């Protein structure tokens, strides 16, 4: 997609936790380069049908006629997604313990980014609920980060996007919004929580591993990227959890 000679180049990477297959991964990405919309969703492991909920949130958000970025629009959009998910469970034969979990609904963390053309290049709006994160970098500088600002902002009880209507309003009260502008050379990273926590910690420490991670991601060197993530897991520097990331690089323009 181009705008005033600017365009974006996207890369995405998903890796399940150790011992799991890609089909079992509960992290999901959504990418619409034409619409300049990007999303990452991280299904809660303990929740029922978490993988399908994460996939639905990421894909439906980037595919929406108008990406919901404010509470009111997000409320209406989320209601439709929750109704869709719960409808798929109707009439489904389940063991009693699965029925119990289904009654509680499903949960996921979510972050979405919308870029738009403007006179000076691109503007951006983002929305997040939970501990999936957005980072905007300009060279070595972090221009913006949301909802977490650093490694210390992560905890074991983040707010999550619920599929059940009874929990919707309490969750929406914790919706985080952000906005800004983007210039040639800027890079946006949308990351699920295990990767985001690692990224913040080691970016703050100036670790070469973060630069290597971004270089491999930008080049789509996925095999080497998998080995880097596994290396960080083995060293206990990264939590062994599903990983999902979308990298959006702003390119072109007058150089």
Protein backbone atom coordinates (compact mmCIF):
# COMPACT_ATOMS: atom_id res chain seq x y z
CA UNK A 1 0.00 0.00 0.00
CA UNK A 2 1.41 3.43 -0.96
CA UNK A 3 0.75 6.91 0.34
CA UNK A 4 2.67 10.04 -0.69
CA UNK A 5 5.46 7.73 -1.92
CA UNK A 6 5.42 5.86 1.41
CA UNK A 7 4.51 2.21 1.57
CA UNK A 8 4.59 -0.49 4.20
CA UNK A 9 6.30 -3.85 4.21
CA UNK A 10 4.99 -6.44 6.63
CA UNK A 11 6.44 -9.58 8.10
CA UNK A 12 4.78 -12.01 10.49
CA UNK A 13 5.99 -14.84 12.67
CA UNK A 14 4.13 -17.34 14.84
CA UNK A 15 5.72 -20.08 16.95
CA UNK A 16 3.93 -22.38 19.42
CA UNK A 17 5.24 -23.22 22.87
CA UNK A 18 7.68 -26.11 23.06
CA UNK A 19 6.03 -29.47 22.50
CA UNK A 20 2.98 -27.96 20.75
CA UNK A 21 2.09 -27.86 17.06
CA UNK A 22 1.18 -24.79 15.03
CA UNK A 23 -2.43 -26.04 14.99
CA UNK A 24 -2.41 -25.90 18.81
CA UNK A 25 -0.96 -22.37 18.95
CA UNK A 26 -3.33 -19.96 20.69
CA UNK A 27 -1.71 -16.80 19.29
CA UNK A 28 -2.97 -15.34 16.01
CA UNK A 29 -2.15 -12.53 13.60
CA UNK A 30 -4.28 -10.48 11.23
CA UNK A 31 -2.80 -8.55 8.31
CA UNK A 32 -4.51 -6.37 5.69
CA UNK A 33 -1.81 -4.44 3.86
CA UNK A 34 -4.29 -2.82 1.48
CA UNK A 35 -6.37 -1.52 4.38
CA UNK A 36 -3.25 -0.76 6.46
CA UNK A 37 -4.63 -2.78 9.39
CA UNK A 38 -2.71 -5.22 11.54
CA UNK A 39 -3.55 -7.18 14.69
CA UNK A 40 -2.24 -9.76 17.15
CA UNK A 41 -4.43 -11.74 19.53
CA UNK A 42 -3.28 -14.07 22.30
CA UNK A 43 -5.81 -16.64 23.48
CA UNK A 44 -5.79 -17.41 27.20
CA UNK A 45 -4.55 -20.99 27.65
CA UNK A 46 -7.01 -21.78 30.45
CA UNK A 47 -10.01 -20.53 28.45
CA UNK A 48 -12.34 -22.64 26.32
CA UNK A 49 -11.70 -22.55 22.54
CA UNK A 50 -9.00 -19.93 23.01
CA UNK A 51 -7.33 -20.54 19.66
CA UNK A 52 -10.50 -19.93 17.64
CA UNK A 53 -11.29 -16.84 19.70
CA UNK A 54 -7.84 -15.36 19.06
CA UNK A 55 -8.03 -16.12 15.34
CA UNK A 56 -11.51 -14.63 15.13
CA UNK A 57 -10.51 -11.42 16.90
CA UNK A 58 -7.39 -10.82 14.79
CA UNK A 59 -8.95 -11.64 11.44
CA UNK A 60 -12.31 -9.95 12.06
CA UNK A 61 -10.68 -6.72 13.28
CA UNK A 62 -8.47 -6.27 10.21
CA UNK A 63 -11.35 -7.34 7.97
CA UNK A 64 -13.95 -5.00 9.47
CA UNK A 65 -15.53 -2.36 7.25
CA UNK A 66 -14.23 0.22 9.70
CA UNK A 67 -11.72 -0.93 12.32
CA UNK A 68 -13.19 -0.28 15.80
CA UNK A 69 -10.81 2.04 17.66
CA UNK A 70 -13.02 3.71 20.27
CA UNK A 71 -14.97 2.10 23.10
CA UNK A 72 -18.39 2.48 21.48
CA UNK A 73 -17.35 0.93 18.18
CA UNK A 74 -15.33 -1.77 19.91
CA UNK A 75 -18.33 -2.65 22.08
CA UNK A 76 -20.60 -3.25 19.07
CA UNK A 77 -17.92 -5.13 17.18
CA UNK A 78 -17.02 -7.30 20.19
CA UNK A 79 -20.65 -8.21 20.78
CA UNK A 80 -20.86 -9.56 17.22
CA UNK A 81 -17.67 -11.59 17.63
CA UNK A 82 -18.81 -13.07 20.93
CA UNK A 83 -22.19 -14.02 19.49
CA UNK A 84 -20.45 -15.73 16.57
CA UNK A 85 -18.17 -17.76 18.84
CA UNK A 86 -20.90 -18.86 21.24
CA UNK A 87 -23.18 -19.81 18.33
CA UNK A 88 -20.53 -22.25 17.09
CA UNK A 89 -20.76 -24.11 20.42
CA UNK A 90 -24.53 -24.65 20.31
CA UNK A 91 -25.49 -28.28 19.95
CA UNK A 92 -21.88 -29.40 20.31
CA UNK A 93 -21.40 -32.57 22.37
CA UNK A 94 -18.90 -31.84 25.15
CA UNK A 95 -17.73 -33.55 28.34
CA UNK A 96 -19.03 -31.90 31.51
CA UNK A 97 -15.76 -30.10 32.28
CA UNK A 98 -15.71 -28.55 28.79
CA UNK A 99 -19.30 -27.42 29.24
CA UNK A 100 -18.28 -25.69 32.47
CA UNK A 101 -15.46 -23.84 30.69
CA UNK A 102 -17.71 -22.95 27.75
CA UNK A 103 -20.23 -21.34 30.11
CA UNK A 104 -17.47 -18.97 31.25
CA UNK A 105 -16.69 -18.02 27.66
CA UNK A 106 -13.31 -17.47 26.06
CA UNK A 107 -10.64 -14.82 26.60
CA UNK A 108 -7.74 -13.28 24.70
CA UNK A 109 -5.40 -10.33 24.77
CA UNK A 110 -5.61 -8.10 21.69
CA UNK A 111 -3.78 -5.25 19.98
CA UNK A 112 -4.72 -3.65 16.66
CA UNK A 113 -3.04 -0.97 14.54
CA UNK A 114 -4.61 1.20 11.82
CA UNK A 115 -2.40 3.35 9.58
CA UNK A 116 -3.84 6.16 7.45
CA UNK A 117 -2.44 8.46 4.76
CA UNK A 118 -1.99 12.08 5.79
CA UNK A 119 -0.26 15.14 4.34
CA UNK A 120 3.05 14.40 6.00
CA UNK A 121 3.03 10.65 5.47
CA UNK A 122 1.05 8.34 7.73
CA UNK A 123 -0.88 8.70 10.95
CA UNK A 124 -1.70 5.79 13.23
CA UNK A 125 -4.36 4.76 15.71
CA UNK A 126 -4.22 1.69 17.90
CA UNK A 127 -6.34 -0.11 20.46
CA UNK A 128 -5.30 -2.74 23.00
CA UNK A 129 -6.88 -4.79 25.73
CA UNK A 130 -4.63 -7.10 27.71
CA UNK A 131 -0.88 -7.62 27.44
CA UNK A 132 -0.45 -7.96 23.68
CA UNK A 133 1.69 -4.92 22.85
CA UNK A 134 2.47 -2.33 20.20
CA UNK A 135 5.92 -0.73 19.90
CA UNK A 136 6.86 2.01 17.44
CA UNK A 137 10.58 2.44 16.81
CA UNK A 138 12.45 5.16 14.91
CA UNK A 139 16.03 4.04 14.54
CA UNK A 140 17.20 3.05 18.01
CA UNK A 141 14.52 5.11 19.75
CA UNK A 142 11.18 3.82 20.99
CA UNK A 143 8.63 6.47 19.97
CA UNK A 144 5.57 4.78 21.46
CA UNK A 145 4.61 1.66 23.38
CA UNK A 146 1.20 0.46 24.54
CA UNK A 147 -0.38 -0.77 26.69
CA UNK A 148 2.84 -1.82 28.45
CA UNK A 149 5.75 0.63 28.54
CA UNK A 150 8.36 -1.77 29.89
CA UNK A 151 9.06 -5.22 31.34
CA UNK A 152 7.76 -4.22 34.76
CA UNK A 153 4.25 -3.62 33.41
CA UNK A 154 3.58 -7.33 32.87
CA UNK A 155 1.78 -9.38 35.52
CA UNK A 156 -0.11 -12.64 35.87
CA UNK A 157 -3.60 -11.08 35.76
CA UNK A 158 -3.91 -8.79 32.72
CA UNK A 159 -7.32 -7.62 31.49
CA UNK A 160 -8.57 -9.73 28.57
CA UNK A 161 -11.13 -9.54 25.77
CA UNK A 162 -14.05 -11.74 26.88
CA UNK A 163 -16.47 -13.52 24.56
CA UNK A 164 -19.21 -13.53 27.23
CA UNK A 165 -21.49 -10.49 27.22
CA UNK A 166 -21.74 -10.31 31.01
CA UNK A 167 -18.03 -9.44 31.26
CA UNK A 168 -17.88 -7.01 28.36
CA UNK A 169 -18.38 -3.68 30.12
CA UNK A 170 -15.80 -4.35 32.82
CA UNK A 171 -13.27 -5.26 30.14
CA UNK A 172 -14.05 -2.25 27.96
CA UNK A 173 -13.33 0.04 30.91
CA UNK A 174 -9.68 -1.05 30.56
CA UNK A 175 -9.41 -0.58 26.80
CA UNK A 176 -6.26 1.41 25.90
CA UNK A 177 -6.09 3.69 22.85
CA UNK A 178 -3.13 5.37 21.22
CA UNK A 179 -2.34 7.55 18.22
CA UNK A 180 0.58 9.21 16.51
CA UNK A 181 2.37 9.79 13.23
CA UNK A 182 4.75 7.62 11.24
CA UNK A 183 7.70 8.58 9.06
CA UNK A 184 9.93 6.79 6.60
CA UNK A 185 12.06 4.25 8.44
CA UNK A 186 9.66 3.74 11.34
CA UNK A 187 8.96 0.19 12.43
CA UNK A 188 5.89 -1.04 14.31
CA UNK A 189 5.93 -4.33 16.19
CA UNK A 190 2.72 -5.96 17.40
CA UNK A 191 3.63 -8.76 19.82
CA UNK A 192 2.00 -11.28 22.11
CA UNK A 193 2.98 -11.11 25.77
CA UNK A 194 5.89 -13.56 26.17
CA UNK A 195 7.73 -12.00 23.26
CA UNK A 196 6.82 -8.44 24.28
CA UNK A 197 8.09 -8.93 27.85
CA UNK A 198 11.38 -10.33 26.51
CA UNK A 199 11.65 -7.52 23.97
CA UNK A 200 11.16 -4.76 26.53
CA UNK A 201 13.60 -6.28 29.00
CA UNK A 202 16.43 -6.82 26.58
CA UNK A 203 15.85 -3.71 24.47
CA UNK A 204 16.21 -1.69 27.68
CA UNK A 205 19.44 -3.57 28.41
CA UNK A 206 20.80 -2.95 24.91
CA UNK A 207 21.05 -6.66 24.15
CA UNK A 208 22.29 -7.72 20.73
CA UNK A 209 19.59 -10.42 20.74
CA UNK A 210 16.88 -7.81 20.16
CA UNK A 211 18.66 -6.34 17.13
CA UNK A 212 19.25 -9.85 15.81
CA UNK A 213 15.59 -10.73 16.33
CA UNK A 214 14.43 -7.68 14.36
CA UNK A 215 16.95 -8.30 11.58
CA UNK A 216 15.85 -11.91 11.16
CA UNK A 217 12.17 -10.93 11.28
CA UNK A 218 12.67 -8.20 8.66
CA UNK A 219 14.42 -10.68 6.36
CA UNK A 220 11.83 -13.44 6.95
CA UNK A 221 14.60 -15.75 8.13
CA UNK A 222 12.06 -17.86 9.99
CA UNK A 223 14.22 -20.90 10.67
CA UNK A 224 16.92 -18.78 12.28
CA UNK A 225 14.22 -16.82 14.11
CA UNK A 226 12.76 -20.03 15.52
CA UNK A 227 16.18 -21.06 16.77
CA UNK A 228 16.73 -17.66 18.41
CA UNK A 229 13.41 -17.87 20.25
CA UNK A 230 14.13 -21.44 21.35
CA UNK A 231 17.58 -20.39 22.51
CA UNK A 232 16.08 -17.61 24.62
CA UNK A 233 13.54 -20.05 26.06
CA UNK A 234 16.20 -22.60 26.96
CA UNK A 235 18.20 -19.88 28.71
CA UNK A 236 15.03 -18.89 30.67
CA UNK A 237 15.25 -15.37 29.28
CA UNK A 238 11.92 -15.80 27.47
CA UNK A 239 8.90 -17.52 28.93
CA UNK A 240 7.92 -20.72 27.11
CA UNK A 241 4.66 -19.60 25.62
CA UNK A 242 3.17 -19.15 22.16
CA UNK A 243 4.73 -16.29 20.21
CA UNK A 244 3.16 -14.06 17.56
CA UNK A 245 4.50 -10.87 16.00
CA UNK A 246 3.65 -8.61 13.08
CA UNK A 247 6.37 -6.22 11.89
CA UNK A 248 5.22 -3.20 9.86
CA UNK A 249 8.01 -1.14 8.29
CA UNK A 250 7.33 2.24 6.70
CA UNK A 251 9.41 2.57 3.55
CA UNK A 252 9.83 4.85 0.53
CA UNK A 253 9.42 8.61 0.50
CA UNK A 254 12.09 11.16 -0.24
CA UNK A 255 15.45 9.86 0.84
